[in-house]
PDB file of N, CA and C in Angstrom:
ATOM      1  N   MET A   1     150.072-143.385 -69.893  1.00  0.00           N
ATOM      2  CA  MET A   1     148.785-142.884 -69.479  1.00  0.00           C
ATOM      3  C   MET A   1     148.824-142.383 -68.033  1.00  0.00           C
ATOM      4  N   GLU A   2     149.605-143.067 -67.190  1.00  0.00           N
ATOM      5  CA  GLU A   2     149.715-142.662 -65.790  1.00  0.00           C
ATOM      6  C   GLU A   2     150.362-141.281 -65.664  1.00  0.00           C
ATOM      7  N   LEU A   3     151.362-141.010 -66.506  1.00  0.00           N
ATOM      8  CA  LEU A   3     152.019-139.705 -66.497  1.00  0.00           C
ATOM      9  C   LEU A   3     151.041-138.610 -66.901  1.00  0.00           C
ATOM     10  N   ARG A   4     150.258-138.855 -67.925  1.00  0.00           N
ATOM     11  CA  ARG A   4     149.248-137.872 -68.338  1.00  0.00           C
ATOM     12  C   ARG A   4     148.247-137.608 -67.228  1.00  0.00           C
ATOM     13  N   GLN A   5     147.859-138.646 -66.526  1.00  0.00           N
ATOM     14  CA  GLN A   5     146.899-138.486 -65.433  1.00  0.00           C
ATOM     15  C   GLN A   5     147.488-137.631 -64.310  1.00  0.00           C
ATOM     16  N   SER A   6     148.764-137.840 -63.990  1.00  0.00           N
ATOM     17  CA  SER A   6     149.378-137.066 -62.905  1.00  0.00           C
ATOM     18  C   SER A   6     149.584-135.602 -63.291  1.00  0.00           C
ATOM     19  N   TRP A   7     149.626-135.294 -64.587  1.00  0.00           N
ATOM     20  CA  TRP A   7     149.789-133.913 -65.063  1.00  0.00           C
ATOM     21  C   TRP A   7     148.451-133.274 -65.438  1.00  0.00           C
ATOM     22  N   LYS A   8     147.372-133.980 -65.236  1.00  0.00           N
ATOM     23  CA  LYS A   8     146.058-133.533 -65.697  1.00  0.00           C
ATOM     24  C   LYS A   8     145.678-132.150 -65.178  1.00  0.00           C
ATOM     25  N   TYR A   9     145.931-131.880 -63.916  1.00  0.00           N
ATOM     26  CA  TYR A   9     145.510-130.617 -63.308  1.00  0.00           C
ATOM     27  C   TYR A   9     146.642-129.607 -63.152  1.00  0.00           C
ATOM     28  N   VAL A  10     147.795-129.917 -63.693  1.00  0.00           N
ATOM     29  CA  VAL A  10     148.928-128.987 -63.621  1.00  0.00           C
ATOM     30  C   VAL A  10     148.687-127.850 -64.602  1.00  0.00           C
ATOM     31  N   ASN A  11     148.778-126.613 -64.089  1.00  0.00           N
ATOM     32  CA  ASN A  11     148.620-125.464 -64.985  1.00  0.00           C
ATOM     33  C   ASN A  11     149.810-124.516 -64.927  1.00  0.00           C
ATOM     34  N   THR A  12     150.754-124.779 -64.021  1.00  0.00           N
ATOM     35  CA  THR A  12     151.933-123.926 -63.870  1.00  0.00           C
ATOM     36  C   THR A  12     153.147-124.796 -63.569  1.00  0.00           C
ATOM     37  N   ILE A  13     154.259-124.483 -64.225  1.00  0.00           N
ATOM     38  CA  ILE A  13     155.517-125.127 -63.859  1.00  0.00           C
ATOM     39  C   ILE A  13     156.501-124.028 -63.462  1.00  0.00           C
ATOM     40  N   ILE A  14     157.360-124.356 -62.513  1.00  0.00           N
ATOM     41  CA  ILE A  14     158.360-123.407 -62.019  1.00  0.00           C
ATOM     42  C   ILE A  14     159.736-123.968 -62.359  1.00  0.00           C
ATOM     43  N   ILE A  15     160.531-123.148 -63.018  1.00  0.00           N
ATOM     44  CA  ILE A  15     161.899-123.534 -63.362  1.00  0.00           C
ATOM     45  C   ILE A  15     162.833-122.674 -62.523  1.00  0.00           C
ATOM     46  N   ASN A  16     163.559-123.307 -61.615  1.00  0.00           N
ATOM     47  CA  ASN A  16     164.494-122.598 -60.746  1.00  0.00           C
ATOM     48  C   ASN A  16     165.874-122.576 -61.407  1.00  0.00           C
ATOM     49  N   GLU A  17     166.683-121.597 -61.031  1.00  0.00           N
ATOM     50  CA  GLU A  17     168.040-121.441 -61.574  1.00  0.00           C
ATOM     51  C   GLU A  17     168.010-121.356 -63.100  1.00  0.00           C
ATOM     52  N   ILE A  18     167.178-120.468 -63.628  1.00  0.00           N
ATOM     53  CA  ILE A  18     167.000-120.338 -65.075  1.00  0.00           C
ATOM     54  C   ILE A  18     168.310-120.013 -65.786  1.00  0.00           C
ATOM     55  N   SER A  19     169.244-119.373 -65.094  1.00  0.00           N
ATOM     56  CA  SER A  19     170.512-119.034 -65.748  1.00  0.00           C
ATOM     57  C   SER A  19     171.309-120.281 -66.127  1.00  0.00           C
ATOM     58  N   MET A  20     171.021-121.407 -65.501  1.00  0.00           N
ATOM     59  CA  MET A  20     171.741-122.643 -65.795  1.00  0.00           C
ATOM     60  C   MET A  20     171.009-123.532 -66.802  1.00  0.00           C
ATOM     61  N   VAL A  21     169.837-123.097 -67.255  1.00  0.00           N
ATOM     62  CA  VAL A  21     169.068-123.894 -68.210  1.00  0.00           C
ATOM     63  C   VAL A  21     169.609-123.649 -69.615  1.00  0.00           C
ATOM     64  N   LEU A  22     169.987-124.699 -70.291  1.00  0.00           N
ATOM     65  CA  LEU A  22     170.487-124.593 -71.651  1.00  0.00           C
ATOM     66  C   LEU A  22     169.394-124.065 -72.565  1.00  0.00           C
ATOM     67  N   TYR A  23     169.799-123.321 -73.583  1.00  0.00           N
ATOM     68  CA  TYR A  23     168.819-122.790 -74.533  1.00  0.00           C
ATOM     69  C   TYR A  23     168.003-123.928 -75.159  1.00  0.00           C
ATOM     70  N   LEU A  24     168.684-124.994 -75.549  1.00  0.00           N
ATOM     71  CA  LEU A  24     167.980-126.127 -76.154  1.00  0.00           C
ATOM     72  C   LEU A  24     167.086-126.859 -75.159  1.00  0.00           C
ATOM     73  N   ARG A  25     167.433-126.794 -73.881  1.00  0.00           N
ATOM     74  CA  ARG A  25     166.645-127.487 -72.859  1.00  0.00           C
ATOM     75  C   ARG A  25     165.204-126.974 -72.833  1.00  0.00           C
ATOM     76  N   MET A  26     165.028-125.671 -73.052  1.00  0.00           N
ATOM     77  CA  MET A  26     163.674-125.119 -73.056  1.00  0.00           C
ATOM     78  C   MET A  26     162.858-125.716 -74.198  1.00  0.00           C
ATOM     79  N   SER A  27     163.485-125.937 -75.319  1.00  0.00           N
ATOM     80  CA  SER A  27     162.798-126.574 -76.444  1.00  0.00           C
ATOM     81  C   SER A  27     162.410-128.013 -76.093  1.00  0.00           C
ATOM     82  N   PHE A  28     163.304-128.707 -75.405  1.00  0.00           N
ATOM     83  CA  PHE A  28     163.007-130.078 -74.994  1.00  0.00           C
ATOM     84  C   PHE A  28     161.843-130.110 -74.001  1.00  0.00           C
ATOM     85  N   ILE A  29     161.814-129.151 -73.077  1.00  0.00           N
ATOM     86  CA  ILE A  29     160.713-129.077 -72.111  1.00  0.00           C
ATOM     87  C   ILE A  29     159.395-128.884 -72.851  1.00  0.00           C
ATOM     88  N   HIS A  30     159.399-127.976 -73.815  1.00  0.00           N
ATOM     89  CA  HIS A  30     158.200-127.725 -74.622  1.00  0.00           C
ATOM     90  C   HIS A  30     157.738-129.007 -75.321  1.00  0.00           C
ATOM     91  N   LYS A  31     158.656-129.704 -75.961  1.00  0.00           N
ATOM     92  CA  LYS A  31     158.293-130.916 -76.698  1.00  0.00           C
ATOM     93  C   LYS A  31     157.782-132.014 -75.773  1.00  0.00           C
ATOM     94  N   ARG A  32     158.390-132.131 -74.607  1.00  0.00           N
ATOM     95  CA  ARG A  32     157.952-133.165 -73.658  1.00  0.00           C
ATOM     96  C   ARG A  32     156.556-132.859 -73.123  1.00  0.00           C
ATOM     97  N   LEU A  33     156.267-131.588 -72.881  1.00  0.00           N
ATOM     98  CA  LEU A  33     154.931-131.223 -72.405  1.00  0.00           C
ATOM     99  C   LEU A  33     153.865-131.520 -73.456  1.00  0.00           C
ATOM    100  N   ILE A  34     154.212-131.371 -74.721  1.00  0.00           N
ATOM    101  CA  ILE A  34     153.274-131.728 -75.794  1.00  0.00           C
ATOM    102  C   ILE A  34     152.968-133.228 -75.734  1.00  0.00           C
ATOM    103  N   GLU A  35     154.012-134.048 -75.516  1.00  0.00           N
ATOM    104  CA  GLU A  35     153.807-135.493 -75.401  1.00  0.00           C
ATOM    105  C   GLU A  35     152.948-135.833 -74.190  1.00  0.00           C
ATOM    106  N   ILE A  36     153.267-135.224 -73.050  1.00  0.00           N
ATOM    107  CA  ILE A  36     152.559-135.533 -71.808  1.00  0.00           C
ATOM    108  C   ILE A  36     151.104-135.093 -71.881  1.00  0.00           C
ATOM    109  N   LYS A  37     150.878-133.876 -72.357  1.00  0.00           N
ATOM    110  CA  LYS A  37     149.523-133.332 -72.395  1.00  0.00           C
ATOM    111  C   LYS A  37     148.712-133.879 -73.561  1.00  0.00           C
ATOM    112  N   GLY A  38     149.387-134.497 -74.530  1.00  0.00           N
ATOM    113  CA  GLY A  38     148.688-135.119 -75.638  1.00  0.00           C
ATOM    114  C   GLY A  38     147.946-134.136 -76.516  1.00  0.00           C
ATOM    115  N   THR A  39     148.682-133.355 -77.265  1.00  0.00           N
ATOM    116  CA  THR A  39     148.063-132.360 -78.131  1.00  0.00           C
ATOM    117  C   THR A  39     148.739-132.352 -79.488  1.00  0.00           C
ATOM    118  N   ASP A  40     148.003-131.911 -80.471  1.00  0.00           N
ATOM    119  CA  ASP A  40     148.572-131.757 -81.807  1.00  0.00           C
ATOM    120  C   ASP A  40     149.015-130.325 -82.061  1.00  0.00           C
ATOM    121  N   ASP A  41     148.643-129.417 -81.173  1.00  0.00           N
ATOM    122  CA  ASP A  41     148.942-127.997 -81.362  1.00  0.00           C
ATOM    123  C   ASP A  41     150.352-127.701 -80.862  1.00  0.00           C
ATOM    124  N   THR A  42     151.336-127.855 -81.745  1.00  0.00           N
ATOM    125  CA  THR A  42     152.731-127.638 -81.357  1.00  0.00           C
ATOM    126  C   THR A  42     153.100-126.165 -81.362  1.00  0.00           C
ATOM    127  N   GLU A  43     152.207-125.304 -81.832  1.00  0.00           N
ATOM    128  CA  GLU A  43     152.483-123.866 -81.881  1.00  0.00           C
ATOM    129  C   GLU A  43     152.327-123.197 -80.519  1.00  0.00           C
ATOM    130  N   VAL A  44     151.549-123.792 -79.626  1.00  0.00           N
ATOM    131  CA  VAL A  44     151.332-123.211 -78.304  1.00  0.00           C
ATOM    132  C   VAL A  44     152.487-123.640 -77.407  1.00  0.00           C
ATOM    133  N   LEU A  45     153.317-122.682 -77.018  1.00  0.00           N
ATOM    134  CA  LEU A  45     154.496-123.011 -76.212  1.00  0.00           C
ATOM    135  C   LEU A  45     154.124-123.600 -74.861  1.00  0.00           C
ATOM    136  N   PHE A  46     154.887-124.600 -74.477  1.00  0.00           N
ATOM    137  CA  PHE A  46     154.738-125.284 -73.193  1.00  0.00           C
ATOM    138  C   PHE A  46     153.312-125.787 -72.985  1.00  0.00           C
ATOM    139  N   ARG A  47     152.657-126.077 -74.100  1.00  0.00           N
ATOM    140  CA  ARG A  47     151.305-126.639 -74.099  1.00  0.00           C
ATOM    141  C   ARG A  47     150.320-125.729 -73.355  1.00  0.00           C
ATOM    142  N   GLY A  48     150.623-124.434 -73.366  1.00  0.00           N
ATOM    143  CA  GLY A  48     149.732-123.461 -72.750  1.00  0.00           C
ATOM    144  C   GLY A  48     149.877-123.341 -71.244  1.00  0.00           C
ATOM    145  N   LEU A  49     150.817-124.073 -70.663  1.00  0.00           N
ATOM    146  CA  LEU A  49     151.030-123.977 -69.218  1.00  0.00           C
ATOM    147  C   LEU A  49     151.711-122.655 -68.885  1.00  0.00           C
ATOM    148  N   ASN A  50     151.429-122.135 -67.707  1.00  0.00           N
ATOM    149  CA  ASN A  50     152.154-120.973 -67.201  1.00  0.00           C
ATOM    150  C   ASN A  50     153.540-121.441 -66.791  1.00  0.00           C
ATOM    151  N   VAL A  51     154.556-120.702 -67.179  1.00  0.00           N
ATOM    152  CA  VAL A  51     155.931-121.048 -66.818  1.00  0.00           C
ATOM    153  C   VAL A  51     156.514-119.883 -66.031  1.00  0.00           C
ATOM    154  N   ILE A  52     156.923-120.169 -64.808  1.00  0.00           N
ATOM    155  CA  ILE A  52     157.586-119.175 -63.969  1.00  0.00           C
ATOM    156  C   ILE A  52     159.049-119.584 -63.882  1.00  0.00           C
ATOM    157  N   ALA A  53     159.916-118.724 -64.376  1.00  0.00           N
ATOM    158  CA  ALA A  53     161.352-118.999 -64.369  1.00  0.00           C
ATOM    159  C   ALA A  53     162.013-118.026 -63.402  1.00  0.00           C
ATOM    160  N   VAL A  54     162.775-118.551 -62.455  1.00  0.00           N
ATOM    161  CA  VAL A  54     163.428-117.700 -61.463  1.00  0.00           C
ATOM    162  C   VAL A  54     164.917-117.982 -61.444  1.00  0.00           C
ATOM    163  N   GLY A  55     165.684-116.972 -61.068  1.00  0.00           N
ATOM    164  CA  GLY A  55     167.119-117.155 -60.969  1.00  0.00           C
ATOM    165  C   GLY A  55     167.862-115.842 -61.018  1.00  0.00           C
ATOM    166  N   ASP A  56     169.157-115.939 -60.839  1.00  0.00           N
ATOM    167  CA  ASP A  56     170.048-114.787 -60.812  1.00  0.00           C
ATOM    168  C   ASP A  56     170.808-114.740 -62.133  1.00  0.00           C
ATOM    169  N   PHE A  57     170.603-113.668 -62.894  1.00  0.00           N
ATOM    170  CA  PHE A  57     171.220-113.567 -64.209  1.00  0.00           C
ATOM    171  C   PHE A  57     172.708-113.235 -64.151  1.00  0.00           C
ATOM    172  N   PHE A  58     173.256-112.990 -62.975  1.00  0.00           N
ATOM    173  CA  PHE A  58     174.690-112.723 -62.848  1.00  0.00           C
ATOM    174  C   PHE A  58     175.464-113.996 -62.500  1.00  0.00           C
ATOM    175  N   GLN A  59     174.876-115.140 -62.769  1.00  0.00           N
ATOM    176  CA  GLN A  59     175.523-116.422 -62.526  1.00  0.00           C
ATOM    177  C   GLN A  59     176.371-116.809 -63.735  1.00  0.00           C
ATOM    178  N   LEU A  60     177.110-117.896 -63.598  1.00  0.00           N
ATOM    179  CA  LEU A  60     177.890-118.429 -64.712  1.00  0.00           C
ATOM    180  C   LEU A  60     176.947-118.970 -65.781  1.00  0.00           C
ATOM    181  N   PRO A  61     177.379-118.950 -67.039  1.00  0.00           N
ATOM    182  CA  PRO A  61     176.523-119.491 -68.103  1.00  0.00           C
ATOM    183  C   PRO A  61     176.443-121.016 -68.019  1.00  0.00           C
ATOM    184  N   PRO A  62     175.442-121.595 -68.661  1.00  0.00           N
ATOM    185  CA  PRO A  62     175.363-123.053 -68.692  1.00  0.00           C
ATOM    186  C   PRO A  62     176.557-123.640 -69.442  1.00  0.00           C
ATOM    187  N   VAL A  63     176.881-124.864 -69.130  1.00  0.00           N
ATOM    188  CA  VAL A  63     178.019-125.529 -69.757  1.00  0.00           C
ATOM    189  C   VAL A  63     177.637-125.951 -71.177  1.00  0.00           C
ATOM    190  N   ARG A  64     178.478-125.629 -72.141  1.00  0.00           N
ATOM    191  CA  ARG A  64     178.346-126.030 -73.541  1.00  0.00           C
ATOM    192  C   ARG A  64     177.094-125.522 -74.245  1.00  0.00           C
ATOM    193  N   ASP A  65     176.576-124.393 -73.840  1.00  0.00           N
ATOM    194  CA  ASP A  65     175.441-123.814 -74.559  1.00  0.00           C
ATOM    195  C   ASP A  65     175.306-122.352 -74.183  1.00  0.00           C
ATOM    196  N   LYS A  66     174.319-121.699 -74.740  1.00  0.00           N
ATOM    197  CA  LYS A  66     174.086-120.279 -74.497  1.00  0.00           C
ATOM    198  C   LYS A  66     173.154-120.088 -73.311  1.00  0.00           C
ATOM    199  N   PHE A  67     173.251-118.876 -72.716  1.00  0.00           N
ATOM    200  CA  PHE A  67     172.244-118.478 -71.742  1.00  0.00           C
ATOM    201  C   PHE A  67     170.885-118.523 -72.423  1.00  0.00           C
ATOM    202  N   ILE A  68     169.853-118.804 -71.690  1.00  0.00           N
ATOM    203  CA  ILE A  68     168.508-118.849 -72.254  1.00  0.00           C
ATOM    204  C   ILE A  68     168.103-117.497 -72.832  1.00  0.00           C
ATOM    205  N   PHE A  69     168.653-116.417 -72.295  1.00  0.00           N
ATOM    206  CA  PHE A  69     168.260-115.091 -72.764  1.00  0.00           C
ATOM    207  C   PHE A  69     169.160-114.564 -73.874  1.00  0.00           C
ATOM    208  N   GLN A  70     170.130-115.358 -74.336  1.00  0.00           N
ATOM    209  CA  GLN A  70     170.909-115.000 -75.520  1.00  0.00           C
ATOM    210  C   GLN A  70     170.143-115.434 -76.763  1.00  0.00           C
ATOM    211  N   ASP A  71     170.516-114.891 -77.890  1.00  0.00           N
ATOM    212  CA  ASP A  71     169.835-115.222 -79.136  1.00  0.00           C
ATOM    213  C   ASP A  71     170.201-116.639 -79.562  1.00  0.00           C
ATOM    214  N   GLY A  72     169.245-117.534 -79.533  1.00  0.00           N
ATOM    215  CA  GLY A  72     169.477-118.920 -79.913  1.00  0.00           C
ATOM    216  C   GLY A  72     168.770-119.308 -81.183  1.00  0.00           C
ATOM    217  N   ARG A  73     168.349-118.330 -81.966  1.00  0.00           N
ATOM    218  CA  ARG A  73     167.596-118.640 -83.180  1.00  0.00           C
ATOM    219  C   ARG A  73     168.422-119.414 -84.197  1.00  0.00           C
ATOM    220  N   GLY A  74     169.732-119.425 -84.042  1.00  0.00           N
ATOM    221  CA  GLY A  74     170.564-120.200 -84.949  1.00  0.00           C
ATOM    222  C   GLY A  74     170.257-121.688 -84.889  1.00  0.00           C
ATOM    223  N   TYR A  75     169.684-122.138 -83.771  1.00  0.00           N
ATOM    224  CA  TYR A  75     169.315-123.540 -83.637  1.00  0.00           C
ATOM    225  C   TYR A  75     168.126-123.886 -84.529  1.00  0.00           C
ATOM    226  N   ASN A  76     167.272-122.911 -84.746  1.00  0.00           N
ATOM    227  CA  ASN A  76     166.055-123.138 -85.517  1.00  0.00           C
ATOM    228  C   ASN A  76     165.762-121.886 -86.334  1.00  0.00           C
ATOM    229  N   PRO A  77     166.355-121.760 -87.509  1.00  0.00           N
ATOM    230  CA  PRO A  77     166.169-120.545 -88.315  1.00  0.00           C
ATOM    231  C   PRO A  77     164.691-120.238 -88.540  1.00  0.00           C
ATOM    232  N   GLY A  78     164.350-118.962 -88.407  1.00  0.00           N
ATOM    233  CA  GLY A  78     162.968-118.538 -88.581  1.00  0.00           C
ATOM    234  C   GLY A  78     162.147-118.578 -87.312  1.00  0.00           C
ATOM    235  N   SER A  79     162.716-119.114 -86.240  1.00  0.00           N
ATOM    236  CA  SER A  79     161.966-119.190 -84.988  1.00  0.00           C
ATOM    237  C   SER A  79     162.059-117.872 -84.234  1.00  0.00           C
ATOM    238  N   THR A  80     161.247-117.743 -83.210  1.00  0.00           N
ATOM    239  CA  THR A  80     161.286-116.542 -82.383  1.00  0.00           C
ATOM    240  C   THR A  80     162.396-116.673 -81.354  1.00  0.00           C
ATOM    241  N   HIS A  81     162.737-115.568 -80.723  1.00  0.00           N
ATOM    242  CA  HIS A  81     163.677-115.588 -79.609  1.00  0.00           C
ATOM    243  C   HIS A  81     162.863-115.991 -78.383  1.00  0.00           C
ATOM    244  N   LEU A  82     163.047-117.209 -77.945  1.00  0.00           N
ATOM    245  CA  LEU A  82     162.194-117.799 -76.920  1.00  0.00           C
ATOM    246  C   LEU A  82     162.080-116.942 -75.676  1.00  0.00           C
ATOM    247  N   TRP A  83     163.207-116.521 -75.117  1.00  0.00           N
ATOM    248  CA  TRP A  83     163.174-115.775 -73.863  1.00  0.00           C
ATOM    249  C   TRP A  83     162.565-114.392 -74.049  1.00  0.00           C
ATOM    250  N   ARG A  84     163.060-113.648 -75.012  1.00  0.00           N
ATOM    251  CA  ARG A  84     162.608-112.269 -75.200  1.00  0.00           C
ATOM    252  C   ARG A  84     161.153-112.192 -75.659  1.00  0.00           C
ATOM    253  N   ASP A  85     160.751-113.083 -76.540  1.00  0.00           N
ATOM    254  CA  ASP A  85     159.418-113.009 -77.132  1.00  0.00           C
ATOM    255  C   ASP A  85     158.332-113.692 -76.311  1.00  0.00           C
ATOM    256  N   GLU A  86     158.687-114.638 -75.474  1.00  0.00           N
ATOM    257  CA  GLU A  86     157.669-115.439 -74.795  1.00  0.00           C
ATOM    258  C   GLU A  86     157.614-115.264 -73.281  1.00  0.00           C
ATOM    259  N   PHE A  87     158.602-114.585 -72.693  1.00  0.00           N
ATOM    260  CA  PHE A  87     158.616-114.400 -71.248  1.00  0.00           C
ATOM    261  C   PHE A  87     158.560-112.918 -70.910  1.00  0.00           C
ATOM    262  N   LYS A  88     157.944-112.602 -69.795  1.00  0.00           N
ATOM    263  CA  LYS A  88     157.919-111.226 -69.294  1.00  0.00           C
ATOM    264  C   LYS A  88     158.840-111.168 -68.079  1.00  0.00           C
ATOM    265  N   LEU A  89     159.827-110.289 -68.132  1.00  0.00           N
ATOM    266  CA  LEU A  89     160.793-110.161 -67.046  1.00  0.00           C
ATOM    267  C   LEU A  89     160.227-109.283 -65.939  1.00  0.00           C
ATOM    268  N   ILE A  90     160.268-109.794 -64.734  1.00  0.00           N
ATOM    269  CA  ILE A  90     159.937-109.016 -63.545  1.00  0.00           C
ATOM    270  C   ILE A  90     161.181-109.049 -62.671  1.00  0.00           C
ATOM    271  N   GLU A  91     161.839-107.911 -62.565  1.00  0.00           N
ATOM    272  CA  GLU A  91     163.097-107.836 -61.824  1.00  0.00           C
ATOM    273  C   GLU A  91     162.826-107.437 -60.380  1.00  0.00           C
ATOM    274  N   LEU A  92     163.326-108.238 -59.464  1.00  0.00           N
ATOM    275  CA  LEU A  92     163.223-107.917 -58.042  1.00  0.00           C
ATOM    276  C   LEU A  92     164.435-107.070 -57.682  1.00  0.00           C
ATOM    277  N   THR A  93     164.199-105.893 -57.132  1.00  0.00           N
ATOM    278  CA  THR A  93     165.291-104.949 -56.898  1.00  0.00           C
ATOM    279  C   THR A  93     165.622-104.761 -55.427  1.00  0.00           C
ATOM    280  N   GLN A  94     164.801-105.250 -54.532  1.00  0.00           N
ATOM    281  CA  GLN A  94     165.079-105.106 -53.106  1.00  0.00           C
ATOM    282  C   GLN A  94     165.549-106.433 -52.535  1.00  0.00           C
ATOM    283  N   ASN A  95     166.643-106.382 -51.800  1.00  0.00           N
ATOM    284  CA  ASN A  95     167.164-107.563 -51.140  1.00  0.00           C
ATOM    285  C   ASN A  95     166.402-107.742 -49.834  1.00  0.00           C
ATOM    286  N   MET A  96     165.538-108.722 -49.791  1.00  0.00           N
ATOM    287  CA  MET A  96     164.715-108.942 -48.606  1.00  0.00           C
ATOM    288  C   MET A  96     165.369-109.919 -47.630  1.00  0.00           C
ATOM    289  N   ARG A  97     166.245-110.786 -48.119  1.00  0.00           N
ATOM    290  CA  ARG A  97     166.843-111.807 -47.259  1.00  0.00           C
ATOM    291  C   ARG A  97     167.712-111.183 -46.169  1.00  0.00           C
ATOM    292  N   GLN A  98     168.551-110.195 -46.534  1.00  0.00           N
ATOM    293  CA  GLN A  98     169.453-109.585 -45.565  1.00  0.00           C
ATOM    294  C   GLN A  98     168.926-108.256 -45.030  1.00  0.00           C
ATOM    295  N   ARG A  99     167.678-107.961 -45.261  1.00  0.00           N
ATOM    296  CA  ARG A  99     167.101-106.709 -44.772  1.00  0.00           C
ATOM    297  C   ARG A  99     167.240-106.661 -43.246  1.00  0.00           C
ATOM    298  N   GLY A 100     167.773-105.574 -42.766  1.00  0.00           N
ATOM    299  CA  GLY A 100     167.949-105.403 -41.330  1.00  0.00           C
ATOM    300  C   GLY A 100     169.232-106.012 -40.784  1.00  0.00           C
ATOM    301  N   ASP A 101     170.003-106.703 -41.595  1.00  0.00           N
ATOM    302  CA  ASP A 101     171.255-107.306 -41.156  1.00  0.00           C
ATOM    303  C   ASP A 101     172.368-106.281 -41.355  1.00  0.00           C
ATOM    304  N   ARG A 102     172.958-105.821 -40.265  1.00  0.00           N
ATOM    305  CA  ARG A 102     173.950-104.746 -40.324  1.00  0.00           C
ATOM    306  C   ARG A 102     175.207-105.151 -41.084  1.00  0.00           C
ATOM    307  N   ILE A 103     175.592-106.410 -41.028  1.00  0.00           N
ATOM    308  CA  ILE A 103     176.804-106.858 -41.716  1.00  0.00           C
ATOM    309  C   ILE A 103     176.627-106.761 -43.224  1.00  0.00           C
ATOM    310  N   PHE A 104     175.502-107.217 -43.738  1.00  0.00           N
ATOM    311  CA  PHE A 104     175.274-107.219 -45.181  1.00  0.00           C
ATOM    312  C   PHE A 104     174.922-105.841 -45.725  1.00  0.00           C
ATOM    313  N   ARG A 105     174.574-104.916 -44.869  1.00  0.00           N
ATOM    314  CA  ARG A 105     174.269-103.554 -45.310  1.00  0.00           C
ATOM    315  C   ARG A 105     175.492-102.934 -45.989  1.00  0.00           C
ATOM    316  N   HIS A 106     176.690-103.289 -45.512  1.00  0.00           N
ATOM    317  CA  HIS A 106     177.922-102.724 -46.063  1.00  0.00           C
ATOM    318  C   HIS A 106     178.296-103.340 -47.408  1.00  0.00           C
ATOM    319  N   SER A 107     177.703-104.448 -47.783  1.00  0.00           N
ATOM    320  CA  SER A 107     178.009-105.075 -49.075  1.00  0.00           C
ATOM    321  C   SER A 107     177.176-104.483 -50.208  1.00  0.00           C
ATOM    322  N   GLN A 108     176.225-103.644 -49.904  1.00  0.00           N
ATOM    323  CA  GLN A 108     175.354-103.088 -50.938  1.00  0.00           C
ATOM    324  C   GLN A 108     176.096-102.290 -52.004  1.00  0.00           C
ATOM    325  N   PRO A 109     177.168-101.546 -51.688  1.00  0.00           N
ATOM    326  CA  PRO A 109     177.878-100.853 -52.780  1.00  0.00           C
ATOM    327  C   PRO A 109     178.392-101.800 -53.858  1.00  0.00           C
ATOM    328  N   CYS A 110     178.681-103.057 -53.510  1.00  0.00           N
ATOM    329  CA  CYS A 110     179.136-104.031 -54.505  1.00  0.00           C
ATOM    330  C   CYS A 110     178.048-104.318 -55.532  1.00  0.00           C
ATOM    331  N   GLU A 111     176.797-104.217 -55.133  1.00  0.00           N
ATOM    332  CA  GLU A 111     175.694-104.448 -56.063  1.00  0.00           C
ATOM    333  C   GLU A 111     175.706-103.417 -57.183  1.00  0.00           C
ATOM    334  N   ASN A 112     176.235-102.236 -56.914  1.00  0.00           N
ATOM    335  CA  ASN A 112     176.258-101.170 -57.915  1.00  0.00           C
ATOM    336  C   ASN A 112     177.225-101.454 -59.057  1.00  0.00           C
ATOM    337  N   TRP A 113     178.127-102.400 -58.885  1.00  0.00           N
ATOM    338  CA  TRP A 113     179.060-102.740 -59.956  1.00  0.00           C
ATOM    339  C   TRP A 113     178.315-103.197 -61.202  1.00  0.00           C
ATOM    340  N   PHE A 114     177.171-103.833 -61.014  1.00  0.00           N
ATOM    341  CA  PHE A 114     176.409-104.385 -62.131  1.00  0.00           C
ATOM    342  C   PHE A 114     175.279-103.471 -62.567  1.00  0.00           C
ATOM    343  N   SER A 115     175.171-102.326 -61.957  1.00  0.00           N
ATOM    344  CA  SER A 115     174.063-101.415 -62.229  1.00  0.00           C
ATOM    345  C   SER A 115     174.453-100.359 -63.254  1.00  0.00           C
ATOM    346  N   ASP A 116     173.474 -99.890 -64.003  1.00  0.00           N
ATOM    347  CA  ASP A 116     173.694 -98.787 -64.939  1.00  0.00           C
ATOM    348  C   ASP A 116     173.673 -97.446 -64.223  1.00  0.00           C
ATOM    349  N   ASN A 117     173.351 -97.452 -62.947  1.00  0.00           N
ATOM    350  CA  ASN A 117     173.185 -96.211 -62.193  1.00  0.00           C
ATOM    351  C   ASN A 117     174.464 -95.737 -61.523  1.00  0.00           C
ATOM    352  N   VAL A 118     175.595 -96.357 -61.815  1.00  0.00           N
ATOM    353  CA  VAL A 118     176.854 -95.985 -61.161  1.00  0.00           C
ATOM    354  C   VAL A 118     177.360 -94.680 -61.732  1.00  0.00           C
TER     355      VAL A 118
END
């Protein structure tokens, strides 16, 4: 009951380093939120909470599982593709951290290795 009380006013969760989150882990998060929020409606993903997932998709894949954005429907036949169907991708294209840093300005051509614009 104490856990439910502490989550009472939570309406958004933030998942950092999404590239390292196992595909099955997202399902576990969903199921745990149903337990915490106390609902019978298992069809509403993440119990209706807003989920903000951030991270760099050019990272290494998670250990012993698929990237969250790979097709994981094999785990649950007939289910939707969790990442593609339930999340909206907003890609940040400007590097703000090193903006104005003359040393890092020269590393920008390396970013083009992963771009379709080469």
